[in-house]
C-alpha atoms as a PDB file:
ATOM      1  CA  MET A   1     110.329 116.657  68.624  1.00  0.00           C
ATOM      2  CA  ILE A   2     108.729 113.283  69.687  1.00  0.00           C
ATOM      3  CA  LYS A   3     105.187 113.763  71.276  1.00  0.00           C
ATOM      4  CA  ARG A   4     104.346 112.578  74.747  1.00  0.00           C
ATOM      5  CA  THR A   5     101.748 109.695  75.131  1.00  0.00           C
ATOM      6  CA  LYS A   6      99.218 109.646  77.721  1.00  0.00           C
ATOM      7  CA  GLY A   7     100.733 109.699  81.274  1.00  0.00           C
ATOM      8  CA  LYS A   8     100.190 107.064  83.750  1.00  0.00           C
ATOM      9  CA  ASN A   9      98.991 109.553  86.782  1.00  0.00           C
ATOM     10  CA  ASN A  10      96.169 111.302  85.815  1.00  0.00           C
ATOM     11  CA  SER A  11      94.012 113.940  87.886  1.00  0.00           C
ATOM     12  CA  ASN A  12      91.377 112.691  90.264  1.00  0.00           C
ATOM     13  CA  PHE A  13      89.499 115.937  89.765  1.00  0.00           C
ATOM     14  CA  LYS A  14      88.971 117.430  86.740  1.00  0.00           C
ATOM     15  CA  THR A  15      88.105 121.070  85.212  1.00  0.00           C
ATOM     16  CA  ASP A  16      84.417 119.890  84.462  1.00  0.00           C
ATOM     17  CA  LEU A  17      83.884 118.728  88.061  1.00  0.00           C
ATOM     18  CA  PHE A  18      85.084 122.039  89.556  1.00  0.00           C
ATOM     19  CA  TYR A  19      83.125 124.072  86.935  1.00  0.00           C
ATOM     20  CA  ASN A  20      79.868 122.229  87.676  1.00  0.00           C
ATOM     21  CA  GLU A  21      80.411 122.801  91.398  1.00  0.00           C
ATOM     22  CA  TYR A  22      81.061 126.390  91.000  1.00  0.00           C
ATOM     23  CA  LYS A  23      77.830 126.655  88.589  1.00  0.00           C
ATOM     24  CA  ASN A  24      75.582 124.826  90.966  1.00  0.00           C
ATOM     25  CA  HIS A  25      76.600 127.391  93.759  1.00  0.00           C
ATOM     26  CA  VAL A  26      76.410 130.692  92.133  1.00  0.00           C
ATOM     27  CA  VAL A  27      73.437 132.842  90.993  1.00  0.00           C
ATOM     28  CA  GLU A  28      75.124 134.122  87.743  1.00  0.00           C
ATOM     29  CA  PRO A  29      77.868 131.899  86.863  1.00  0.00           C
ATOM     30  CA  LEU A  30      80.562 132.670  84.379  1.00  0.00           C
ATOM     31  CA  SER A  31      80.707 130.675  80.890  1.00  0.00           C
ATOM     32  CA  LYS A  32      83.094 127.815  81.013  1.00  0.00           C
ATOM     33  CA  LYS A  33      85.542 129.590  78.974  1.00  0.00           C
ATOM     34  CA  ASP A  34      85.763 132.830  81.214  1.00  0.00           C
ATOM     35  CA  PHE A  35      85.833 130.429  84.258  1.00  0.00           C
ATOM     36  CA  SER A  36      88.882 128.618  82.842  1.00  0.00           C
ATOM     37  CA  THR A  37      90.563 132.011  81.988  1.00  0.00           C
ATOM     38  CA  VAL A  38      90.073 133.266  85.359  1.00  0.00           C
ATOM     39  CA  ARG A  39      91.404 129.883  86.679  1.00  0.00           C
ATOM     40  CA  ASP A  40      94.567 129.894  84.522  1.00  0.00           C
ATOM     41  CA  GLU A  41      95.156 133.645  85.584  1.00  0.00           C
ATOM     42  CA  LEU A  42      94.930 132.622  89.168  1.00  0.00           C
ATOM     43  CA  TYR A  43      97.323 129.792  88.839  1.00  0.00           C
ATOM     44  CA  SER A  44      99.602 132.161  87.040  1.00  0.00           C
ATOM     45  CA  GLU A  45      99.801 134.659  89.623  1.00  0.00           C
ATOM     46  CA  ILE A  46     100.344 131.903  92.306  1.00  0.00           C
ATOM     47  CA  ALA A  47     103.277 130.539  90.304  1.00  0.00           C
ATOM     48  CA  ASP A  48     104.760 133.963  89.969  1.00  0.00           C
ATOM     49  CA  VAL A  49     104.815 134.457  93.608  1.00  0.00           C
ATOM     50  CA  LEU A  50     106.031 131.038  94.325  1.00  0.00           C
ATOM     51  CA  TYR A  51     108.847 131.462  91.787  1.00  0.00           C
ATOM     52  CA  ASN A  52     109.848 134.913  92.930  1.00  0.00           C
ATOM     53  CA  GLU A  53     109.491 134.393  96.708  1.00  0.00           C
ATOM     54  CA  GLY A  54     110.205 130.747  97.385  1.00  0.00           C
ATOM     55  CA  GLN A  55     106.788 130.428  98.999  1.00  0.00           C
ATOM     56  CA  PHE A  56     103.040 131.005  98.729  1.00  0.00           C
ATOM     57  CA  LYS A  57     100.900 131.193 101.652  1.00  0.00           C
ATOM     58  CA  PHE A  58      97.469 130.332 101.093  1.00  0.00           C
ATOM     59  CA  PRO A  59      94.711 132.572 102.945  1.00  0.00           C
ATOM     60  CA  PHE A  60      92.984 131.395 105.919  1.00  0.00           C
ATOM     61  CA  LYS A  61      95.928 129.151 107.269  1.00  0.00           C
ATOM     62  CA  PHE A  62      95.207 126.742 104.715  1.00  0.00           C
ATOM     63  CA  GLY A  63      99.022 125.702 104.231  1.00  0.00           C
ATOM     64  CA  THR A  64     101.866 126.993 102.161  1.00  0.00           C
ATOM     65  CA  LEU A  65     103.660 125.935  98.858  1.00  0.00           C
ATOM     66  CA  LYS A  66     107.524 126.085  99.321  1.00  0.00           C
ATOM     67  CA  ILE A  67     110.285 125.431  96.976  1.00  0.00           C
ATOM     68  CA  GLU A  68     112.954 123.125  98.274  1.00  0.00           C
ATOM     69  CA  LYS A  69     116.407 122.900  97.397  1.00  0.00           C
ATOM     70  CA  ARG A  70     118.421 119.867  97.913  1.00  0.00           C
ATOM     71  CA  ARG A  71     121.991 118.785  97.127  1.00  0.00           C
ATOM     72  CA  ARG A  72     122.232 115.924  94.754  1.00  0.00           C
ATOM     73  CA  LYS A  73     123.601 112.755  96.253  1.00  0.00           C
ATOM     74  CA  ILE A  74     126.236 111.416  93.976  1.00  0.00           C
ATOM     75  CA  ALA A  75     126.821 107.601  94.080  1.00  0.00           C
ATOM     76  CA  TYR A  76     129.363 105.642  92.320  1.00  0.00           C
ATOM     77  CA  ASN A  77     129.176 102.178  90.617  1.00  0.00           C
ATOM     78  CA  SER A  78     131.938  99.630  91.265  1.00  0.00           C
ATOM     79  CA  ASP A  79     133.688 100.445  88.268  1.00  0.00           C
ATOM     80  CA  GLY A  80     133.981 104.272  89.425  1.00  0.00           C
ATOM     81  CA  THR A  81     131.291 105.900  87.082  1.00  0.00           C
ATOM     82  CA  ILE A  82     128.394 107.848  88.432  1.00  0.00           C
ATOM     83  CA  ASN A  83     125.417 105.994  89.153  1.00  0.00           C
ATOM     84  CA  LYS A  84     122.711 107.504  87.237  1.00  0.00           C
ATOM     85  CA  ILE A  85     119.774 106.242  89.298  1.00  0.00           C
ATOM     86  CA  GLY A  86     119.536 109.420  91.299  1.00  0.00           C
ATOM     87  CA  TYR A  87     119.316 111.618  88.288  1.00  0.00           C
ATOM     88  CA  LYS A  88     116.094 112.196  86.344  1.00  0.00           C
ATOM     89  CA  VAL A  89     116.262 111.891  82.615  1.00  0.00           C
ATOM     90  CA  ASP A  90     115.951 115.300  80.751  1.00  0.00           C
ATOM     91  CA  TRP A  91     113.274 113.913  78.389  1.00  0.00           C
ATOM     92  CA  LYS A  92     113.257 117.222  76.269  1.00  0.00           C
ATOM     93  CA  LYS A  93     116.819 117.157  75.296  1.00  0.00           C
ATOM     94  CA  THR A  94     116.522 113.184  75.123  1.00  0.00           C
ATOM     95  CA  LYS A  95     113.814 113.354  72.678  1.00  0.00           C
ATOM     96  CA  ASP A  96     115.450 116.159  70.647  1.00  0.00           C
ATOM     97  CA  TYR A  97     118.656 114.125  70.520  1.00  0.00           C
ATOM     98  CA  TRP A  98     116.847 111.109  69.364  1.00  0.00           C
ATOM     99  CA  GLY A  99     114.974 113.098  66.622  1.00  0.00           C
ATOM    100  CA  THR A 100     118.343 114.239  65.134  1.00  0.00           C
ATOM    101  CA  LYS A 101     120.023 110.597  65.806  1.00  0.00           C
ATOM    102  CA  TYR A 102     117.133 108.719  64.327  1.00  0.00           C
ATOM    103  CA  PRO A 103     115.418 110.943  61.914  1.00  0.00           C
ATOM    104  CA  GLY A 104     111.990 109.745  60.412  1.00  0.00           C
ATOM    105  CA  LEU A 105     111.280 107.188  62.711  1.00  0.00           C
ATOM    106  CA  SER A 106     107.998 106.936  64.720  1.00  0.00           C
ATOM    107  CA  GLN A 107     107.467 106.329  68.367  1.00  0.00           C
ATOM    108  CA  GLU A 108     106.729 102.995  68.168  1.00  0.00           C
ATOM    109  CA  GLU A 109     109.919 102.258  65.838  1.00  0.00           C
ATOM    110  CA  LEU A 110     112.198 104.251  68.650  1.00  0.00           C
ATOM    111  CA  LYS A 111     110.552 101.616  71.314  1.00  0.00           C
ATOM    112  CA  GLN A 112     112.278  98.966  69.294  1.00  0.00           C
ATOM    113  CA  ILE A 113     115.711 100.265  69.504  1.00  0.00           C
ATOM    114  CA  LYS A 114     117.696  98.799  72.628  1.00  0.00           C
ATOM    115  CA  GLY A 115     120.411 100.943  74.157  1.00  0.00           C
ATOM    116  CA  LYS A 116     119.475 104.466  73.227  1.00  0.00           C
ATOM    117  CA  VAL A 117     121.377 106.985  74.841  1.00  0.00           C
ATOM    118  CA  LYS A 118     119.687 109.148  77.513  1.00  0.00           C
ATOM    119  CA  ILE A 119     120.454 112.787  78.589  1.00  0.00           C
ATOM    120  CA  TYR A 120     120.543 113.377  82.238  1.00  0.00           C
ATOM    121  CA  CYS A 121     119.709 116.456  84.442  1.00  0.00           C
ATOM    122  CA  GLU A 122     123.178 116.844  85.939  1.00  0.00           C
ATOM    123  CA  SER A 123     122.890 119.968  88.091  1.00  0.00           C
ATOM    124  CA  GLU A 124     124.114 120.070  91.510  1.00  0.00           C
ATOM    125  CA  TRP A 125     120.879 120.785  93.114  1.00  0.00           C
ATOM    126  CA  ARG A 126     117.430 119.311  93.004  1.00  0.00           C
ATOM    127  CA  LEU A 127     114.467 121.644  93.206  1.00  0.00           C
ATOM    128  CA  SER A 128     110.910 120.453  94.376  1.00  0.00           C
ATOM    129  CA  ILE A 129     107.742 122.142  95.091  1.00  0.00           C
ATOM    130  CA  LYS A 130     106.220 120.787  98.448  1.00  0.00           C
ATOM    131  CA  TYR A 131     102.921 121.496 100.109  1.00  0.00           C
ATOM    132  CA  ASP A 132     103.551 122.187 103.889  1.00  0.00           C
ATOM    133  CA  LYS A 133     100.365 121.751 105.945  1.00  0.00           C
ATOM    134  CA  THR A 134     102.161 121.453 109.353  1.00  0.00           C
ATOM    135  CA  LYS A 135     100.650 124.920 110.385  1.00  0.00           C
ATOM    136  CA  ALA A 136      97.392 124.738 108.506  1.00  0.00           C
ATOM    137  CA  LEU A 137      94.176 124.848 110.607  1.00  0.00           C
ATOM    138  CA  TYR A 138      91.720 122.211 109.360  1.00  0.00           C
ATOM    139  CA  ILE A 139      91.053 118.777 109.959  1.00  0.00           C
ATOM    140  CA  ASN A 140      91.881 115.468 108.074  1.00  0.00           C
ATOM    141  CA  LYS A 141      95.337 116.742 106.801  1.00  0.00           C
ATOM    142  CA  ASN A 142      96.377 113.113 106.378  1.00  0.00           C
ATOM    143  CA  PHE A 143      94.026 112.865 103.206  1.00  0.00           C
ATOM    144  CA  ILE A 144      95.389 115.836 101.367  1.00  0.00           C
ATOM    145  CA  TRP A 145      98.032 114.891  98.807  1.00  0.00           C
ATOM    146  CA  PHE A 146      99.804 117.355  96.767  1.00  0.00           C
ATOM    147  CA  ARG A 147     101.264 116.583  93.354  1.00  0.00           C
ATOM    148  CA  PRO A 148     102.439 119.769  91.467  1.00  0.00           C
ATOM    149  CA  SER A 149     101.034 120.232  88.078  1.00  0.00           C
ATOM    150  CA  ARG A 150     103.349 119.573  85.245  1.00  0.00           C
ATOM    151  CA  THR A 151     102.941 123.393  83.950  1.00  0.00           C
ATOM    152  CA  LEU A 152     103.965 124.199  87.474  1.00  0.00           C
ATOM    153  CA  ALA A 153     106.838 121.922  87.687  1.00  0.00           C
ATOM    154  CA  ARG A 154     108.341 122.818  84.149  1.00  0.00           C
ATOM    155  CA  GLY A 155     107.726 126.720  84.787  1.00  0.00           C
ATOM    156  CA  LEU A 156     110.035 126.337  87.853  1.00  0.00           C
ATOM    157  CA  LYS A 157     112.797 124.831  85.802  1.00  0.00           C
ATOM    158  CA  THR A 158     112.382 127.511  83.116  1.00  0.00           C
ATOM    159  CA  PHE A 159     112.359 130.363  85.700  1.00  0.00           C
ATOM    160  CA  VAL A 160     115.561 129.009  87.254  1.00  0.00           C
ATOM    161  CA  ASP A 161     117.255 128.429  83.919  1.00  0.00           C
ATOM    162  CA  ASN A 162     116.210 132.090  82.964  1.00  0.00           C
ATOM    163  CA  ASN A 163     117.161 133.586  86.498  1.00  0.00           C
ATOM    164  CA  PRO A 164     120.296 132.234  87.722  1.00  0.00           C
ATOM    165  CA  GLN A 165     120.443 134.889  90.385  1.00  0.00           C
ATOM    166  CA  ILE A 166     117.541 133.625  92.269  1.00  0.00           C
ATOM    167  CA  ASP A 167     118.367 131.116  95.139  1.00  0.00           C
ATOM    168  CA  TYR A 168     116.109 129.129  97.388  1.00  0.00           C
ATOM    169  CA  LYS A 169     116.592 128.054 100.845  1.00  0.00           C
ATOM    170  CA  GLU A 170     118.535 124.694 101.131  1.00  0.00           C
ATOM    171  CA  LYS A 171     116.839 121.888 102.840  1.00  0.00           C
END
């Protein structure tokens, strides 16, 4: 499989920033490794509740994480084919396919090839994780921007693929 390069959207808040803030406000802080372990377990528990129940309510009325399910809109081109603009590329399957079709080529060599086939996610539904702050009780809500981590978003797809009996509320 071809490795992913550095992304264009990087986090504004890094783990070191959170750890340093924690260390400055606690009398006996955990080691950085233990802090990361606790943080990862907390995120894992939040993700489990979110995937199984479809929502996670933060304590102290800080808002809710919800999974939204929307029906995909199908658009057709003038020649009658499906317009793929509304579909996301399944990069894992696409890169695996490119690895078998063009074996031994580096990522730079693959970029030179024009008109490569892309494999799209063609499910009927589109799931997304949203942060609902309408009932949250804090000020300056407009400055909060939620973008789910790659792990959380990919975990949702894996969970749905492995548990087809789970159904989320349609928006």
